[in-house]
């Protein structure tokens, strides 16, 4: 039986009847996915019946909160095929996870050390390392990008040299949708003894990720892109590597003992979770991943590929439209960015937004990539499992009208 996007769509309250009867064609999933009813209900139930701080209380609400929080961590570990839940660190988001890691790793780096990133990366994986380079004299090297918007893996060995300590790149681009050739990248890093960090914010909503098989050292993602709430993210790292890092933040919940002479730290993962953690958000994330695991991911991938193919074909037929990214579906997510000759991306998004088509426009927090392509911005349509042919049709039909208006 083929994948039933309409049945999935009915699980999302946001797609119910809209004011004025206008349908919502939500194609901004790479920025934030919507939440199914089951996730919303799980968070409401937790805050209604089990709202308490964790790891500090002995009353019934606190004990229920402890169980819910620990269960959420175990759920995330299972979803990522990680055997040890203690390797799962909850953060405020993918950006927070990347910053945490940059601060922790950066404390051990100095002049002459190198971190390799790429021009395909989101600012959240560039700004922390640029700040580290400025503050500690670390050299930042950028992997080049091909004309198709893929990492130029053929040049990885010349960029990842003996002074490289970490390769930190995206698992899949938020602009071009290109999926990174991870095995080749890991091989180049291992050849010089460097570690590998992947920003999985875009990848996780569209594919199963088996971290042990992937062979990387660190992985980050955000809840709000994987049908979960905002304010929650995950940093995964190998136990031996995380245990060797000094936490950059201190506070309640990460202290074993403390007096005037110093402190000892709790074991993983708590040493990296100073302060009150995002308990309700973690419950929501666990509910979202549990919901997602109920589907056959191959059916979702086939559904999204079919829609992406239709969208790419439709855009190719519109005069003045140029797709920024791989022209084929090979190693590509359902993230399609494009330009329209003579039209500013913001204007395109505004006009289409008035027709109920929700898109994203601008530099997409990827200024080095845009500069390399000689662009000031793009229009991006990003699909999810609840999108259907009607959404693609609405975009293509609306685009034709929008071009007439703007020209």
Protein backbone atom coordinates (compact mmCIF):
# COMPACT_ATOMS: atom_id res chain seq x y z
CA UNK A 1 0.00 0.00 0.00
CA UNK A 2 1.37 3.45 -0.90
CA UNK A 3 2.17 6.00 1.74
CA UNK A 4 -0.95 7.94 2.81
CA UNK A 5 0.11 11.54 3.33
CA UNK A 6 -3.48 12.64 3.89
CA UNK A 7 -3.88 10.26 6.81
CA UNK A 8 -0.67 11.63 8.30
CA UNK A 9 -1.78 15.20 7.66
CA UNK A 10 -4.95 14.67 9.69
CA UNK A 11 -2.79 14.07 12.76
CA UNK A 12 -1.58 17.69 12.67
CA UNK A 13 -3.94 20.31 14.12
CA UNK A 14 -2.32 23.09 12.10
CA UNK A 15 -3.79 21.66 8.88
CA UNK A 16 -7.37 21.78 10.12
CA UNK A 17 -9.71 24.40 8.67
CA UNK A 18 -7.99 27.76 8.38
CA UNK A 19 -9.39 31.30 8.85
CA UNK A 20 -11.20 32.30 5.70
CA UNK A 21 -11.12 28.73 4.44
CA UNK A 22 -7.69 29.09 2.83
CA UNK A 23 -5.66 25.90 2.73
CA UNK A 24 -2.19 25.85 4.26
CA UNK A 25 0.56 24.56 1.98
CA UNK A 26 3.39 24.38 4.47
CA UNK A 27 6.73 24.08 2.69
CA UNK A 28 9.02 25.57 5.34
CA UNK A 29 9.88 22.32 7.09
CA UNK A 30 13.64 22.81 6.92
CA UNK A 31 13.18 25.79 9.25
CA UNK A 32 10.59 24.20 11.54
CA UNK A 33 8.39 21.15 11.15
CA UNK A 34 4.87 21.02 12.56
CA UNK A 35 3.92 18.85 15.56
CA UNK A 36 1.43 15.98 15.48
CA UNK A 37 -1.37 15.88 18.01
CA UNK A 38 0.27 13.01 19.93
CA UNK A 39 3.34 15.15 20.68
CA UNK A 40 1.27 18.10 21.85
CA UNK A 41 -0.84 15.84 24.05
CA UNK A 42 2.23 14.19 25.57
CA UNK A 43 3.61 17.57 26.64
CA UNK A 44 0.27 18.78 27.96
CA UNK A 45 -0.14 15.56 29.96
CA UNK A 46 3.34 15.89 31.43
CA UNK A 47 2.90 19.53 32.42
CA UNK A 48 -0.57 18.80 33.79
CA UNK A 49 0.34 15.79 35.93
CA UNK A 50 4.12 15.51 36.32
CA UNK A 51 5.55 19.02 36.19
CA UNK A 52 8.52 19.16 38.55
CA UNK A 53 12.25 19.64 38.49
CA UNK A 54 14.32 16.50 37.95
CA UNK A 55 17.03 14.83 40.04
CA UNK A 56 16.34 17.01 43.06
CA UNK A 57 12.97 16.06 44.53
CA UNK A 58 11.61 13.10 46.48
CA UNK A 59 7.91 13.87 46.16
CA UNK A 60 5.65 12.00 43.72
CA UNK A 61 5.62 14.68 41.00
CA UNK A 62 9.42 14.85 41.01
CA UNK A 63 9.68 11.09 40.81
CA UNK A 64 7.32 11.01 37.83
CA UNK A 65 9.32 13.77 36.19
CA UNK A 66 12.54 11.80 36.75
CA UNK A 67 11.07 8.73 35.09
CA UNK A 68 9.76 10.72 32.15
CA UNK A 69 13.07 12.50 31.62
CA UNK A 70 15.12 9.31 31.84
CA UNK A 71 12.70 7.54 29.51
CA UNK A 72 13.02 10.38 26.99
CA UNK A 73 16.80 10.00 26.97
CA UNK A 74 16.48 6.25 26.43
CA UNK A 75 14.05 6.84 23.55
CA UNK A 76 16.47 9.19 21.80
CA UNK A 77 19.28 6.65 22.25
CA UNK A 78 17.16 3.88 20.72
CA UNK A 79 16.19 6.09 17.80
CA UNK A 80 19.86 6.73 17.03
CA UNK A 81 20.81 3.07 17.65
CA UNK A 82 23.01 4.16 20.57
CA UNK A 83 23.55 1.48 23.22
CA UNK A 84 24.45 3.86 26.07
CA UNK A 85 21.81 6.52 26.90
CA UNK A 86 24.43 8.39 28.95
CA UNK A 87 25.98 9.48 25.65
CA UNK A 88 22.83 11.52 24.93
CA UNK A 89 23.15 15.10 26.21
CA UNK A 90 20.05 17.28 26.12
CA UNK A 91 20.61 20.88 25.05
CA UNK A 92 18.46 23.83 24.04
CA UNK A 93 18.85 22.97 20.35
CA UNK A 94 21.35 22.03 17.68
CA UNK A 95 22.97 25.47 17.86
CA UNK A 96 23.40 25.10 21.61
CA UNK A 97 24.90 21.63 21.13
CA UNK A 98 27.41 22.91 18.57
CA UNK A 99 28.38 25.83 20.80
CA UNK A 100 28.77 23.55 23.81
CA UNK A 101 31.08 21.30 21.85
CA UNK A 102 33.07 24.19 20.37
CA UNK A 103 33.69 25.60 23.85
CA UNK A 104 34.62 22.23 25.32
CA UNK A 105 36.90 21.19 22.45
CA UNK A 106 38.25 24.70 22.05
CA UNK A 107 39.61 24.67 25.60
CA UNK A 108 42.10 22.03 24.43
CA UNK A 109 43.12 23.71 21.16
CA UNK A 110 45.60 26.45 20.45
CA UNK A 111 47.60 28.19 17.70
CA UNK A 112 48.50 25.82 14.90
CA UNK A 113 45.58 23.48 15.46
CA UNK A 114 43.02 23.28 12.68
CA UNK A 115 39.26 22.71 12.47
CA UNK A 116 37.81 21.88 9.06
CA UNK A 117 34.31 23.12 8.24
CA UNK A 118 32.69 23.84 4.87
CA UNK A 119 30.98 26.54 2.86
CA UNK A 120 27.90 24.32 2.83
CA UNK A 121 27.37 24.68 6.58
CA UNK A 122 24.69 26.60 8.44
CA UNK A 123 25.88 29.57 10.48
CA UNK A 124 25.20 27.54 13.63
CA UNK A 125 28.15 25.33 12.65
CA UNK A 126 30.30 28.22 11.48
CA UNK A 127 29.92 31.00 14.03
CA UNK A 128 31.12 28.93 17.06
CA UNK A 129 34.26 27.76 15.23
CA UNK A 130 34.97 31.24 13.85
CA UNK A 131 34.73 32.60 17.38
CA UNK A 132 37.06 29.84 18.55
CA UNK A 133 39.54 30.66 15.79
CA UNK A 134 39.53 34.33 16.74
CA UNK A 135 39.84 33.68 20.45
CA UNK A 136 42.44 30.90 20.52
CA UNK A 137 44.34 31.27 17.28
CA UNK A 138 42.94 28.07 15.81
CA UNK A 139 43.03 27.91 12.03
CA UNK A 140 39.72 27.32 10.28
CA UNK A 141 39.81 25.59 6.89
CA UNK A 142 36.82 25.42 4.55
CA UNK A 143 36.03 22.41 2.42
CA UNK A 144 35.00 23.63 -1.04
CA UNK A 145 31.61 23.05 -2.62
CA UNK A 146 30.92 21.79 -6.13
CA UNK A 147 28.76 23.60 -8.66
CA UNK A 148 25.95 21.17 -7.74
CA UNK A 149 26.05 22.31 -4.12
CA UNK A 150 27.77 19.23 -2.71
CA UNK A 151 30.86 19.01 -0.55
CA UNK A 152 33.87 18.48 -2.79
CA UNK A 153 34.96 15.26 -1.11
CA UNK A 154 37.67 14.70 -3.75
CA UNK A 155 39.57 17.59 -2.18
CA UNK A 156 39.05 16.48 1.40
CA UNK A 157 42.51 14.98 1.79
CA UNK A 158 44.21 18.23 0.80
CA UNK A 159 42.13 20.23 3.29
CA UNK A 160 42.24 17.74 6.17
CA UNK A 161 45.92 17.81 7.08
CA UNK A 162 48.12 16.62 9.97
CA UNK A 163 47.23 19.65 12.12
CA UNK A 164 43.48 18.99 11.80
CA UNK A 165 41.88 18.10 15.13
CA UNK A 166 38.21 18.10 14.10
CA UNK A 167 36.11 17.97 10.94
CA UNK A 168 32.75 19.64 11.66
CA UNK A 169 30.30 19.67 8.75
CA UNK A 170 26.65 19.25 7.92
CA UNK A 171 25.14 15.81 7.33
CA UNK A 172 22.82 17.40 4.75
CA UNK A 173 22.62 20.96 3.48
CA UNK A 174 19.76 23.22 4.49
CA UNK A 175 20.14 25.05 1.16
CA UNK A 176 20.94 22.51 -1.55
CA UNK A 177 19.60 19.39 0.16
CA UNK A 178 22.83 17.55 -0.71
CA UNK A 179 23.72 14.66 1.60
CA UNK A 180 27.34 14.45 2.69
CA UNK A 181 29.40 11.44 1.64
CA UNK A 182 30.19 10.55 5.24
CA UNK A 183 32.35 7.41 4.73
CA UNK A 184 34.85 9.28 2.54
CA UNK A 185 34.96 12.18 4.97
CA UNK A 186 35.49 9.90 7.97
CA UNK A 187 38.28 8.07 6.13
CA UNK A 188 40.08 11.35 5.39
CA UNK A 189 39.76 12.44 9.02
CA UNK A 190 40.90 9.11 10.43
CA UNK A 191 43.98 9.20 8.20
CA UNK A 192 45.30 12.16 10.24
CA UNK A 193 43.77 11.23 13.60
CA UNK A 194 41.03 13.88 13.50
CA UNK A 195 37.57 13.54 15.00
CA UNK A 196 34.32 14.04 13.04
CA UNK A 197 31.23 16.01 14.06
CA UNK A 198 28.05 16.01 11.98
CA UNK A 199 25.27 18.59 12.17
CA UNK A 200 22.25 16.34 11.63
CA UNK A 201 19.52 18.95 11.95
CA UNK A 202 18.34 18.49 8.35
CA UNK A 203 19.03 14.79 7.98
CA UNK A 204 17.17 13.29 10.91
CA UNK A 205 13.60 14.21 9.81
CA UNK A 206 14.07 12.33 6.52
CA UNK A 207 16.18 9.26 7.22
CA UNK A 208 17.05 6.72 9.88
CA UNK A 209 20.42 7.47 11.42
CA UNK A 210 22.47 4.62 12.88
CA UNK A 211 25.29 6.38 14.69
CA UNK A 212 27.49 3.32 15.34
CA UNK A 213 27.36 2.45 11.62
CA UNK A 214 27.92 6.07 10.61
CA UNK A 215 31.29 5.98 12.33
CA UNK A 216 31.45 9.61 13.48
CA UNK A 217 32.44 10.89 16.92
CA UNK A 218 29.82 13.56 17.61
CA UNK A 219 26.33 14.24 16.26
CA UNK A 220 23.85 17.07 16.89
CA UNK A 221 20.24 17.74 15.99
CA UNK A 222 17.25 19.91 16.96
CA UNK A 223 13.79 18.85 18.06
CA UNK A 224 11.86 21.50 16.16
CA UNK A 225 12.90 20.08 12.79
CA UNK A 226 11.87 16.53 13.68
CA UNK A 227 8.21 17.20 14.63
CA UNK A 228 9.05 18.03 18.25
CA UNK A 229 8.93 21.29 20.24
CA UNK A 230 11.39 24.15 20.18
CA UNK A 231 13.94 24.54 22.95
CA UNK A 232 15.28 20.97 22.80
CA UNK A 233 18.28 19.51 21.03
CA UNK A 234 20.70 16.65 21.38
CA UNK A 235 24.46 16.33 21.47
CA UNK A 236 25.67 12.77 21.10
CA UNK A 237 29.29 11.85 21.58
CA UNK A 238 31.29 8.73 22.21
CA UNK A 239 31.54 8.16 25.96
CA UNK A 240 35.34 8.24 26.07
CA UNK A 241 35.47 11.53 24.17
CA UNK A 242 32.73 13.27 26.16
CA UNK A 243 34.23 12.10 29.46
CA UNK A 244 37.57 13.64 28.53
CA UNK A 245 36.07 17.09 27.85
CA UNK A 246 35.69 19.81 30.48
CA UNK A 247 32.11 21.13 30.60
CA UNK A 248 31.97 24.81 29.58
CA UNK A 249 28.99 25.59 31.84
CA UNK A 250 28.57 25.11 35.56
CA UNK A 251 25.55 25.06 37.84
CA UNK A 252 23.07 22.89 39.61
CA UNK A 253 22.57 19.36 38.40
CA UNK A 254 26.15 18.75 37.25
CA UNK A 255 27.97 18.90 40.59
CA UNK A 256 29.04 15.86 42.58
CA UNK A 257 30.47 17.88 45.46
CA UNK A 258 31.41 21.51 45.89
CA UNK A 259 33.20 23.58 48.54
CA UNK A 260 35.47 26.59 48.75
CA UNK A 261 38.36 24.65 47.28
CA UNK A 262 36.64 23.35 44.16
CA UNK A 263 34.15 20.84 42.84
CA UNK A 264 33.80 17.38 41.42
CA UNK A 265 31.55 16.63 38.47
CA UNK A 266 28.85 14.07 38.01
CA UNK A 267 29.26 11.43 35.36
CA UNK A 268 27.76 11.62 31.89
CA UNK A 269 25.43 13.01 30.76
CA UNK A 270 24.70 15.25 33.75
CA UNK A 271 28.06 17.04 33.77
CA UNK A 272 26.98 18.73 30.52
CA UNK A 273 23.43 19.58 31.66
CA UNK A 274 23.94 22.41 34.14
CA UNK A 275 20.75 23.97 35.45
CA UNK A 276 17.17 22.89 34.97
CA UNK A 277 17.01 20.87 31.74
CA UNK A 278 14.21 21.12 29.15
CA UNK A 279 12.12 18.37 30.73
CA UNK A 280 8.80 18.96 28.98
CA UNK A 281 10.55 19.48 25.68
CA UNK A 282 12.43 16.20 26.15
CA UNK A 283 9.10 14.45 26.71
CA UNK A 284 7.86 16.03 23.47
CA UNK A 285 10.99 14.98 21.59
CA UNK A 286 10.61 11.40 22.78
CA UNK A 287 6.96 11.40 21.70
CA UNK A 288 7.92 12.75 18.27
CA UNK A 289 10.63 10.14 17.70
CA UNK A 290 8.32 7.38 18.92
CA UNK A 291 5.65 8.61 16.50
CA UNK A 292 8.17 8.78 13.66
CA UNK A 293 9.41 5.25 14.35
CA UNK A 294 5.91 3.90 13.73
CA UNK A 295 6.34 4.58 10.00
CA UNK A 296 8.21 2.65 7.37
CA UNK A 297 11.03 5.10 6.66
CA UNK A 298 11.56 3.68 3.18
CA UNK A 299 7.93 4.54 2.33
CA UNK A 300 8.43 8.09 3.62
CA UNK A 301 11.63 8.44 1.58
CA UNK A 302 9.88 7.20 -1.57
CA UNK A 303 6.97 9.60 -1.00
CA UNK A 304 9.29 12.57 -0.50
CA UNK A 305 11.43 11.62 -3.51
CA UNK A 306 8.37 11.49 -5.74
CA UNK A 307 7.24 14.93 -4.61
CA UNK A 308 10.74 16.34 -4.97
CA UNK A 309 10.96 14.96 -8.50
CA UNK A 310 7.64 16.59 -9.39
CA UNK A 311 8.81 19.88 -7.90
CA UNK A 312 12.14 19.83 -9.73
CA UNK A 313 10.41 19.05 -13.04
CA UNK A 314 7.85 21.80 -12.45
CA UNK A 315 10.48 24.40 -11.63
CA UNK A 316 12.52 23.45 -14.70
CA UNK A 317 9.51 24.37 -16.85
CA UNK A 318 9.21 27.90 -15.42
CA UNK A 319 11.19 30.52 -17.41
CA UNK A 320 13.72 32.43 -15.32
CA UNK A 321 13.82 29.86 -12.50
CA UNK A 322 17.16 28.26 -11.63
CA UNK A 323 17.51 25.52 -9.02
CA UNK A 324 20.42 25.88 -6.60
CA UNK A 325 21.55 22.36 -5.78
CA UNK A 326 21.73 18.87 -7.27
CA UNK A 327 19.47 18.46 -10.31
CA UNK A 328 18.90 14.76 -9.57
CA UNK A 329 17.46 12.87 -6.60
CA UNK A 330 20.67 10.99 -5.82
CA UNK A 331 21.88 11.60 -2.25
CA UNK A 332 19.47 14.50 -1.90
CA UNK A 333 16.89 15.56 0.65
CA UNK A 334 13.49 17.09 -0.28
CA UNK A 335 14.94 20.58 0.16
CA UNK A 336 14.75 22.62 -3.05
CA UNK A 337 16.19 26.12 -3.31
CA UNK A 338 15.85 28.27 -6.40
CA UNK A 339 16.18 31.78 -7.77
CA UNK A 340 13.87 33.75 -10.05
CA UNK A 341 15.44 36.22 -12.45
CA UNK A 342 14.37 39.75 -11.59
CA UNK A 343 12.56 38.84 -8.36
CA UNK A 344 13.79 39.16 -4.79
CA UNK A 345 13.31 36.00 -2.67
CA UNK A 346 11.55 37.92 0.10
CA UNK A 347 9.01 39.33 -2.34
CA UNK A 348 8.37 35.88 -3.79
CA UNK A 349 7.79 34.40 -0.34
CA UNK A 350 5.49 37.22 0.70
CA UNK A 351 3.29 37.00 -2.39
CA UNK A 352 3.08 33.20 -2.17
CA UNK A 353 2.46 33.41 1.56
CA UNK A 354 -0.65 35.46 0.88
CA UNK A 355 -1.84 32.53 -1.25
CA UNK A 356 -1.30 30.08 1.61
CA UNK A 357 2.05 28.73 0.39
CA UNK A 358 4.62 28.93 3.20
CA UNK A 359 8.24 29.13 2.00
CA UNK A 360 11.54 30.50 3.25
CA UNK A 361 13.59 33.16 1.44
CA UNK A 362 16.95 34.85 1.90
CA UNK A 363 20.45 33.66 2.73
CA UNK A 364 19.14 30.83 4.93
CA UNK A 365 21.99 31.34 7.45
CA UNK A 366 24.44 30.17 4.79
CA UNK A 367 26.21 33.34 3.70
CA UNK A 368 29.53 31.73 2.66
CA UNK A 369 27.65 29.39 0.31
CA UNK A 370 25.59 32.24 -1.15
CA UNK A 371 28.70 34.36 -1.66
CA UNK A 372 30.45 31.46 -3.37
CA UNK A 373 27.52 31.11 -5.76
CA UNK A 374 27.31 34.86 -6.30
CA UNK A 375 23.82 35.04 -4.79
CA UNK A 376 22.16 37.39 -2.33
CA UNK A 377 19.49 34.85 -1.46
CA UNK A 378 17.21 32.05 -2.64
CA UNK A 379 13.65 30.83 -2.28
CA UNK A 380 13.44 27.47 -0.50
CA UNK A 381 10.68 24.88 -0.56
CA UNK A 382 11.25 22.06 1.92
CA UNK A 383 9.00 19.02 2.09
CA UNK A 384 8.00 16.67 4.91
CA UNK A 385 6.05 13.44 5.16
CA UNK A 386 2.69 15.26 5.47
CA UNK A 387 3.11 17.18 2.21
CA UNK A 388 1.26 15.99 -0.89
CA UNK A 389 0.74 16.70 -4.58
CA UNK A 390 -1.62 19.52 -3.71
CA UNK A 391 1.19 21.39 -1.97
CA UNK A 392 3.49 21.05 -4.98
CA UNK A 393 0.70 22.09 -7.35
CA UNK A 394 -0.12 25.13 -5.21
CA UNK A 395 3.51 26.23 -5.25
CA UNK A 396 3.94 25.83 -9.00
CA UNK A 397 0.63 27.50 -9.84
CA UNK A 398 1.27 30.28 -7.37
CA UNK A 399 4.78 30.77 -8.70
CA UNK A 400 3.52 31.46 -12.20
CA UNK A 401 1.15 34.11 -10.85
CA UNK A 402 3.81 35.55 -8.56
CA UNK A 403 6.24 36.06 -11.42
CA UNK A 404 3.59 37.98 -13.33
CA UNK A 405 2.97 40.21 -10.30
CA UNK A 406 6.62 40.90 -9.56
CA UNK A 407 7.68 41.51 -13.12
